[in-house]
PDB file of N, CA and C in Angstrom:
ATOM      1  N   UNK A   1     109.469  94.477  89.938  1.00  0.00           N
ATOM      2  CA  UNK A   1     109.127  95.354  90.972  1.00  0.00           C
ATOM      3  C   UNK A   1     108.023  94.698  91.859  1.00  0.00           C
ATOM      4  N   UNK A   2     108.157  94.984  93.230  1.00  0.00           N
ATOM      5  CA  UNK A   2     107.186  94.356  94.129  1.00  0.00           C
ATOM      6  C   UNK A   2     105.815  95.067  94.071  1.00  0.00           C
ATOM      7  N   UNK A   3     104.904  94.566  94.795  1.00  0.00           N
ATOM      8  CA  UNK A   3     103.578  95.136  94.787  1.00  0.00           C
ATOM      9  C   UNK A   3     103.412  96.166  95.874  1.00  0.00           C
ATOM     10  N   UNK A   4     103.932  97.415  95.477  1.00  0.00           N
ATOM     11  CA  UNK A   4     103.865  98.511  96.395  1.00  0.00           C
ATOM     12  C   UNK A   4     103.421  99.709  95.620  1.00  0.00           C
ATOM     13  N   UNK A   5     102.523 100.531  96.222  1.00  0.00           N
ATOM     14  CA  UNK A   5     101.994 101.712  95.621  1.00  0.00           C
ATOM     15  C   UNK A   5     103.167 102.810  95.599  1.00  0.00           C
ATOM     16  N   UNK A   6     103.374 103.387  94.451  1.00  0.00           N
ATOM     17  CA  UNK A   6     104.479 104.376  94.447  1.00  0.00           C
ATOM     18  C   UNK A   6     104.064 105.831  94.953  1.00  0.00           C
ATOM     19  N   UNK A   7     102.836 105.937  95.265  1.00  0.00           N
ATOM     20  CA  UNK A   7     102.347 107.207  95.814  1.00  0.00           C
ATOM     21  C   UNK A   7     102.167 107.138  97.315  1.00  0.00           C
ATOM     22  N   UNK A   8     101.413 106.130  97.696  1.00  0.00           N
ATOM     23  CA  UNK A   8     101.035 106.046  99.208  1.00  0.00           C
ATOM     24  C   UNK A   8     102.111 105.167  99.977  1.00  0.00           C
ATOM     25  N   UNK A   9     102.842 104.261  99.243  1.00  0.00           N
ATOM     26  CA  UNK A   9     103.716 103.390  99.973  1.00  0.00           C
ATOM     27  C   UNK A   9     103.098 102.142 100.580  1.00  0.00           C
ATOM     28  N   UNK A  10     101.809 101.830 100.289  1.00  0.00           N
ATOM     29  CA  UNK A  10     101.159 100.694 100.803  1.00  0.00           C
ATOM     30  C   UNK A  10     101.673  99.503 100.262  1.00  0.00           C
ATOM     31  N   UNK A  11     101.774  98.363 101.098  1.00  0.00           N
ATOM     32  CA  UNK A  11     102.174  97.080 100.595  1.00  0.00           C
ATOM     33  C   UNK A  11     101.109  96.078 100.945  1.00  0.00           C
ATOM     34  N   UNK A  12     101.288  94.800 100.508  1.00  0.00           N
ATOM     35  CA  UNK A  12     100.295  93.813 100.837  1.00  0.00           C
ATOM     36  C   UNK A  12     100.377  93.513 102.243  1.00  0.00           C
ATOM     37  N   UNK A  13      99.334  92.998 102.801  1.00  0.00           N
ATOM     38  CA  UNK A  13      99.333  92.572 104.233  1.00  0.00           C
ATOM     39  C   UNK A  13      99.072  91.167 104.374  1.00  0.00           C
ATOM     40  N   UNK A  14      99.593  90.497 105.467  1.00  0.00           N
ATOM     41  CA  UNK A  14      99.388  89.128 105.683  1.00  0.00           C
ATOM     42  C   UNK A  14      98.290  88.996 106.789  1.00  0.00           C
ATOM     43  N   UNK A  15      97.537  87.984 106.739  1.00  0.00           N
ATOM     44  CA  UNK A  15      96.499  87.744 107.684  1.00  0.00           C
ATOM     45  C   UNK A  15      96.040  86.326 107.753  1.00  0.00           C
ATOM     46  N   UNK A  16      94.942  86.063 108.288  1.00  0.00           N
ATOM     47  CA  UNK A  16      94.441  84.673 108.458  1.00  0.00           C
ATOM     48  C   UNK A  16      93.036  84.589 107.786  1.00  0.00           C
ATOM     49  N   UNK A  17      92.850  83.452 107.139  1.00  0.00           N
ATOM     50  CA  UNK A  17      91.385  82.966 106.898  1.00  0.00           C
ATOM     51  C   UNK A  17      91.007  82.300 108.089  1.00  0.00           C
ATOM     52  N   UNK A  18      89.807  82.615 108.552  1.00  0.00           N
ATOM     53  CA  UNK A  18      89.252  81.962 109.774  1.00  0.00           C
ATOM     54  C   UNK A  18      88.031  81.209 109.322  1.00  0.00           C
ATOM     55  N   UNK A  19      88.106  79.927 109.521  1.00  0.00           N
ATOM     56  CA  UNK A  19      86.952  79.008 109.241  1.00  0.00           C
ATOM     57  C   UNK A  19      85.930  79.071 110.398  1.00  0.00           C
ATOM     58  N   UNK A  20      84.805  78.496 110.138  1.00  0.00           N
ATOM     59  CA  UNK A  20      83.753  78.447 111.115  1.00  0.00           C
ATOM     60  C   UNK A  20      84.207  77.628 112.397  1.00  0.00           C
ATOM     61  N   UNK A  21      85.191  76.779 112.103  1.00  0.00           N
ATOM     62  CA  UNK A  21      85.699  75.938 113.320  1.00  0.00           C
ATOM     63  C   UNK A  21      86.881  76.659 113.950  1.00  0.00           C
ATOM     64  N   UNK A  22      87.113  77.934 113.637  1.00  0.00           N
ATOM     65  CA  UNK A  22      88.106  78.708 114.136  1.00  0.00           C
ATOM     66  C   UNK A  22      89.532  78.241 113.658  1.00  0.00           C
ATOM     67  N   UNK A  23      89.581  77.339 112.747  1.00  0.00           N
ATOM     68  CA  UNK A  23      90.808  77.029 112.038  1.00  0.00           C
ATOM     69  C   UNK A  23      91.367  78.183 111.273  1.00  0.00           C
ATOM     70  N   UNK A  24      92.674  78.498 111.514  1.00  0.00           N
ATOM     71  CA  UNK A  24      93.288  79.656 110.875  1.00  0.00           C
ATOM     72  C   UNK A  24      94.349  79.189 109.840  1.00  0.00           C
ATOM     73  N   UNK A  25      94.224  79.763 108.646  1.00  0.00           N
ATOM     74  CA  UNK A  25      95.269  79.542 107.660  1.00  0.00           C
ATOM     75  C   UNK A  25      95.737  80.891 107.187  1.00  0.00           C
ATOM     76  N   UNK A  26      96.920  80.991 106.708  1.00  0.00           N
ATOM     77  CA  UNK A  26      97.532  82.233 106.256  1.00  0.00           C
ATOM     78  C   UNK A  26      96.979  82.658 104.926  1.00  0.00           C
ATOM     79  N   UNK A  27      96.809  83.947 104.681  1.00  0.00           N
ATOM     80  CA  UNK A  27      96.381  84.520 103.414  1.00  0.00           C
ATOM     81  C   UNK A  27      97.077  85.891 103.210  1.00  0.00           C
ATOM     82  N   UNK A  28      96.914  86.406 102.045  1.00  0.00           N
ATOM     83  CA  UNK A  28      97.403  87.815 101.674  1.00  0.00           C
ATOM     84  C   UNK A  28      96.276  88.679 101.419  1.00  0.00           C
ATOM     85  N   UNK A  29      96.428  89.912 101.893  1.00  0.00           N
ATOM     86  CA  UNK A  29      95.444  90.975 101.510  1.00  0.00           C
ATOM     87  C   UNK A  29      96.164  91.774 100.368  1.00  0.00           C
ATOM     88  N   UNK A  30      95.805  91.543  99.215  1.00  0.00           N
ATOM     89  CA  UNK A  30      96.371  92.249  97.983  1.00  0.00           C
ATOM     90  C   UNK A  30      95.840  93.648  97.896  1.00  0.00           C
ATOM     91  N   UNK A  31      96.600  94.419  97.159  1.00  0.00           N
ATOM     92  CA  UNK A  31      96.313  95.812  96.831  1.00  0.00           C
ATOM     93  C   UNK A  31      95.511  95.914  95.534  1.00  0.00           C
ATOM     94  N   UNK A  32      94.740  96.956  95.384  1.00  0.00           N
ATOM     95  CA  UNK A  32      94.037  97.214  94.080  1.00  0.00           C
ATOM     96  C   UNK A  32      95.117  98.079  93.288  1.00  0.00           C
ATOM     97  N   UNK A  33      96.167  97.468  92.807  1.00  0.00           N
ATOM     98  CA  UNK A  33      97.256  98.055  92.298  1.00  0.00           C
ATOM     99  C   UNK A  33      97.153  98.121  90.644  1.00  0.00           C
ATOM    100  N   UNK A  34      97.279  99.263  90.123  1.00  0.00           N
ATOM    101  CA  UNK A  34      97.172  99.463  88.605  1.00  0.00           C
ATOM    102  C   UNK A  34      98.452 100.091  88.103  1.00  0.00           C
ATOM    103  N   UNK A  35      98.894  99.772  86.931  1.00  0.00           N
ATOM    104  CA  UNK A  35      99.993 100.391  86.204  1.00  0.00           C
ATOM    105  C   UNK A  35      99.287 101.481  85.384  1.00  0.00           C
ATOM    106  N   UNK A  36      99.563 102.771  85.619  1.00  0.00           N
ATOM    107  CA  UNK A  36      98.855 103.821  84.897  1.00  0.00           C
ATOM    108  C   UNK A  36      99.845 104.880  84.356  1.00  0.00           C
ATOM    109  N   UNK A  37      99.539 105.459  83.254  1.00  0.00           N
ATOM    110  CA  UNK A  37     100.404 106.454  82.695  1.00  0.00           C
ATOM    111  C   UNK A  37      99.739 107.898  82.908  1.00  0.00           C
ATOM    112  N   UNK A  38     100.457 108.846  83.425  1.00  0.00           N
ATOM    113  CA  UNK A  38      99.946 110.178  83.790  1.00  0.00           C
ATOM    114  C   UNK A  38     100.704 111.120  82.906  1.00  0.00           C
ATOM    115  N   UNK A  39     100.048 112.228  82.358  1.00  0.00           N
ATOM    116  CA  UNK A  39     100.718 113.143  81.596  1.00  0.00           C
ATOM    117  C   UNK A  39     101.287 114.336  82.428  1.00  0.00           C
ATOM    118  N   UNK A  40     102.484 114.493  82.419  1.00  0.00           N
ATOM    119  CA  UNK A  40     103.174 115.613  83.128  1.00  0.00           C
ATOM    120  C   UNK A  40     103.262 116.878  82.268  1.00  0.00           C
ATOM    121  N   UNK A  41     102.597 117.946  82.706  1.00  0.00           N
ATOM    122  CA  UNK A  41     102.648 119.218  81.969  1.00  0.00           C
ATOM    123  C   UNK A  41     104.046 119.867  81.985  1.00  0.00           C
ATOM    124  N   UNK A  42     104.637 119.743  83.200  1.00  0.00           N
ATOM    125  CA  UNK A  42     105.980 120.389  83.393  1.00  0.00           C
ATOM    126  C   UNK A  42     107.023 119.686  82.479  1.00  0.00           C
ATOM    127  N   UNK A  43     107.029 118.351  82.349  1.00  0.00           N
ATOM    128  CA  UNK A  43     108.091 117.710  81.633  1.00  0.00           C
ATOM    129  C   UNK A  43     107.596 117.307  80.141  1.00  0.00           C
ATOM    130  N   UNK A  44     106.335 117.583  79.885  1.00  0.00           N
ATOM    131  CA  UNK A  44     105.778 117.281  78.556  1.00  0.00           C
ATOM    132  C   UNK A  44     106.009 115.793  78.112  1.00  0.00           C
ATOM    133  N   UNK A  45     105.673 114.935  79.018  1.00  0.00           N
ATOM    134  CA  UNK A  45     105.904 113.519  78.789  1.00  0.00           C
ATOM    135  C   UNK A  45     105.010 112.618  79.749  1.00  0.00           C
ATOM    136  N   UNK A  46     104.789 111.478  79.341  1.00  0.00           N
ATOM    137  CA  UNK A  46     103.991 110.538  80.241  1.00  0.00           C
ATOM    138  C   UNK A  46     104.866 109.895  81.268  1.00  0.00           C
ATOM    139  N   UNK A  47     104.329 109.882  82.496  1.00  0.00           N
ATOM    140  CA  UNK A  47     105.011 109.174  83.679  1.00  0.00           C
ATOM    141  C   UNK A  47     104.251 107.973  83.965  1.00  0.00           C
ATOM    142  N   UNK A  48     104.898 106.770  84.002  1.00  0.00           N
ATOM    143  CA  UNK A  48     104.164 105.505  84.334  1.00  0.00           C
ATOM    144  C   UNK A  48     104.449 105.228  85.792  1.00  0.00           C
ATOM    145  N   UNK A  49     103.375 104.930  86.537  1.00  0.00           N
ATOM    146  CA  UNK A  49     103.412 104.751  87.964  1.00  0.00           C
ATOM    147  C   UNK A  49     102.547 103.456  88.271  1.00  0.00           C
ATOM    148  N   UNK A  50     102.968 102.670  89.330  1.00  0.00           N
ATOM    149  CA  UNK A  50     102.181 101.702  89.816  1.00  0.00           C
ATOM    150  C   UNK A  50     101.393 102.245  91.053  1.00  0.00           C
ATOM    151  N   UNK A  51     100.067 102.450  90.894  1.00  0.00           N
ATOM    152  CA  UNK A  51      99.398 103.144  91.916  1.00  0.00           C
ATOM    153  C   UNK A  51      98.076 102.399  92.349  1.00  0.00           C
ATOM    154  N   UNK A  52      97.676 102.579  93.619  1.00  0.00           N
ATOM    155  CA  UNK A  52      96.402 102.131  94.042  1.00  0.00           C
ATOM    156  C   UNK A  52      95.348 103.066  93.652  1.00  0.00           C
ATOM    157  N   UNK A  53      94.136 102.639  93.791  1.00  0.00           N
ATOM    158  CA  UNK A  53      93.018 103.599  93.506  1.00  0.00           C
ATOM    159  C   UNK A  53      92.943 104.785  94.403  1.00  0.00           C
ATOM    160  N   UNK A  54      93.388 104.539  95.549  1.00  0.00           N
ATOM    161  CA  UNK A  54      93.568 105.768  96.584  1.00  0.00           C
ATOM    162  C   UNK A  54      94.636 106.688  96.115  1.00  0.00           C
ATOM    163  N   UNK A  55      95.728 106.155  95.534  1.00  0.00           N
ATOM    164  CA  UNK A  55      96.792 106.912  95.072  1.00  0.00           C
ATOM    165  C   UNK A  55      96.392 107.783  93.797  1.00  0.00           C
ATOM    166  N   UNK A  56      95.416 107.211  92.994  1.00  0.00           N
ATOM    167  CA  UNK A  56      94.950 107.888  91.852  1.00  0.00           C
ATOM    168  C   UNK A  56      94.112 109.082  92.324  1.00  0.00           C
ATOM    169  N   UNK A  57      93.286 108.945  93.456  1.00  0.00           N
ATOM    170  CA  UNK A  57      92.518 109.997  93.914  1.00  0.00           C
ATOM    171  C   UNK A  57      93.286 111.072  94.620  1.00  0.00           C
ATOM    172  N   UNK A  58      94.421 110.688  95.148  1.00  0.00           N
ATOM    173  CA  UNK A  58      95.406 111.727  95.761  1.00  0.00           C
ATOM    174  C   UNK A  58      95.984 112.534  94.577  1.00  0.00           C
ATOM    175  N   UNK A  59      96.341 111.905  93.486  1.00  0.00           N
ATOM    176  CA  UNK A  59      96.960 112.678  92.326  1.00  0.00           C
ATOM    177  C   UNK A  59      95.884 113.556  91.750  1.00  0.00           C
ATOM    178  N   UNK A  60      94.696 113.119  91.690  1.00  0.00           N
ATOM    179  CA  UNK A  60      93.613 113.944  91.072  1.00  0.00           C
ATOM    180  C   UNK A  60      93.351 115.164  92.036  1.00  0.00           C
ATOM    181  N   UNK A  61      93.484 114.935  93.423  1.00  0.00           N
ATOM    182  CA  UNK A  61      93.171 116.012  94.325  1.00  0.00           C
ATOM    183  C   UNK A  61      94.349 117.066  94.368  1.00  0.00           C
ATOM    184  N   UNK A  62      95.518 116.600  94.464  1.00  0.00           N
ATOM    185  CA  UNK A  62      96.702 117.497  94.642  1.00  0.00           C
ATOM    186  C   UNK A  62      97.486 117.821  93.460  1.00  0.00           C
ATOM    187  N   UNK A  63      97.266 117.135  92.339  1.00  0.00           N
ATOM    188  CA  UNK A  63      98.072 117.418  91.187  1.00  0.00           C
ATOM    189  C   UNK A  63      99.197 116.396  91.053  1.00  0.00           C
ATOM    190  N   UNK A  64      99.633 116.022  89.819  1.00  0.00           N
ATOM    191  CA  UNK A  64     100.654 115.025  89.614  1.00  0.00           C
ATOM    192  C   UNK A  64     101.989 115.507  90.161  1.00  0.00           C
ATOM    193  N   UNK A  65     102.438 116.757  89.830  1.00  0.00           N
ATOM    194  CA  UNK A  65     103.845 117.192  90.212  1.00  0.00           C
ATOM    195  C   UNK A  65     103.995 117.266  91.726  1.00  0.00           C
ATOM    196  N   UNK A  66     102.947 117.858  92.399  1.00  0.00           N
ATOM    197  CA  UNK A  66     103.065 117.995  93.829  1.00  0.00           C
ATOM    198  C   UNK A  66     103.120 116.557  94.496  1.00  0.00           C
ATOM    199  N   UNK A  67     102.309 115.655  94.015  1.00  0.00           N
ATOM    200  CA  UNK A  67     102.188 114.296  94.607  1.00  0.00           C
ATOM    201  C   UNK A  67     103.509 113.510  94.385  1.00  0.00           C
ATOM    202  N   UNK A  68     104.009 113.532  93.241  1.00  0.00           N
ATOM    203  CA  UNK A  68     105.282 112.838  92.917  1.00  0.00           C
ATOM    204  C   UNK A  68     106.380 113.449  93.717  1.00  0.00           C
ATOM    205  N   UNK A  69     106.434 114.693  93.822  1.00  0.00           N
ATOM    206  CA  UNK A  69     107.458 115.423  94.616  1.00  0.00           C
ATOM    207  C   UNK A  69     107.410 114.918  96.117  1.00  0.00           C
ATOM    208  N   UNK A  70     106.199 114.816  96.670  1.00  0.00           N
ATOM    209  CA  UNK A  70     106.002 114.343  97.999  1.00  0.00           C
ATOM    210  C   UNK A  70     106.374 112.869  98.134  1.00  0.00           C
ATOM    211  N   UNK A  71     106.109 112.113  97.075  1.00  0.00           N
ATOM    212  CA  UNK A  71     106.424 110.579  97.199  1.00  0.00           C
ATOM    213  C   UNK A  71     107.982 110.455  97.091  1.00  0.00           C
ATOM    214  N   UNK A  72     108.657 111.336  96.358  1.00  0.00           N
ATOM    215  CA  UNK A  72     110.065 111.198  96.272  1.00  0.00           C
ATOM    216  C   UNK A  72     110.767 111.605  97.609  1.00  0.00           C
ATOM    217  N   UNK A  73     110.247 112.526  98.214  1.00  0.00           N
ATOM    218  CA  UNK A  73     110.729 112.935  99.640  1.00  0.00           C
ATOM    219  C   UNK A  73     110.654 111.687 100.611  1.00  0.00           C
ATOM    220  N   UNK A  74     109.513 111.054 100.469  1.00  0.00           N
ATOM    221  CA  UNK A  74     109.266 109.852 101.346  1.00  0.00           C
ATOM    222  C   UNK A  74     109.982 108.604 100.887  1.00  0.00           C
ATOM    223  N   UNK A  75     110.522 108.646  99.679  1.00  0.00           N
ATOM    224  CA  UNK A  75     111.307 107.543  99.158  1.00  0.00           C
ATOM    225  C   UNK A  75     110.464 106.461  98.522  1.00  0.00           C
ATOM    226  N   UNK A  76     109.201 106.699  98.084  1.00  0.00           N
ATOM    227  CA  UNK A  76     108.419 105.697  97.542  1.00  0.00           C
ATOM    228  C   UNK A  76     108.615 105.567  95.999  1.00  0.00           C
ATOM    229  N   UNK A  77     109.016 106.635  95.335  1.00  0.00           N
ATOM    230  CA  UNK A  77     109.135 106.697  93.929  1.00  0.00           C
ATOM    231  C   UNK A  77     110.488 107.350  93.512  1.00  0.00           C
ATOM    232  N   UNK A  78     111.190 106.768  92.486  1.00  0.00           N
ATOM    233  CA  UNK A  78     112.426 107.430  92.072  1.00  0.00           C
ATOM    234  C   UNK A  78     112.274 107.544  90.511  1.00  0.00           C
ATOM    235  N   UNK A  79     112.147 108.790  90.108  1.00  0.00           N
ATOM    236  CA  UNK A  79     111.975 109.111  88.688  1.00  0.00           C
ATOM    237  C   UNK A  79     113.195 109.811  88.205  1.00  0.00           C
ATOM    238  N   UNK A  80     113.545 109.554  87.020  1.00  0.00           N
ATOM    239  CA  UNK A  80     114.768 110.249  86.424  1.00  0.00           C
ATOM    240  C   UNK A  80     114.391 111.528  85.774  1.00  0.00           C
TER     241      UNK A  80
END
C-alpha cells in the first residue's frame, strides 16, 4: 500500500532542496505515517489503519466510527 493517510487522505509531496547557491534538487516531503490498531466498540474488534498523527487526533476528537464512516464516504479507506 502506498504512503497515504486513510483518514485525512494526505499524500507525500514533492519539492526542492535549495542550496545556498540557489541550486535546486528534487526531494520528498514524507508523512508522519503510523500503522495503528484501534478498538471498535460497535464491531468488537481491532481495526488497523495507516494514519498520520493529525488523523489520530481527528479520531480522538470525533470518535472512531464517525471518522471511519466519513473517510469511507470520501474514498480514503475501504473496510470490510
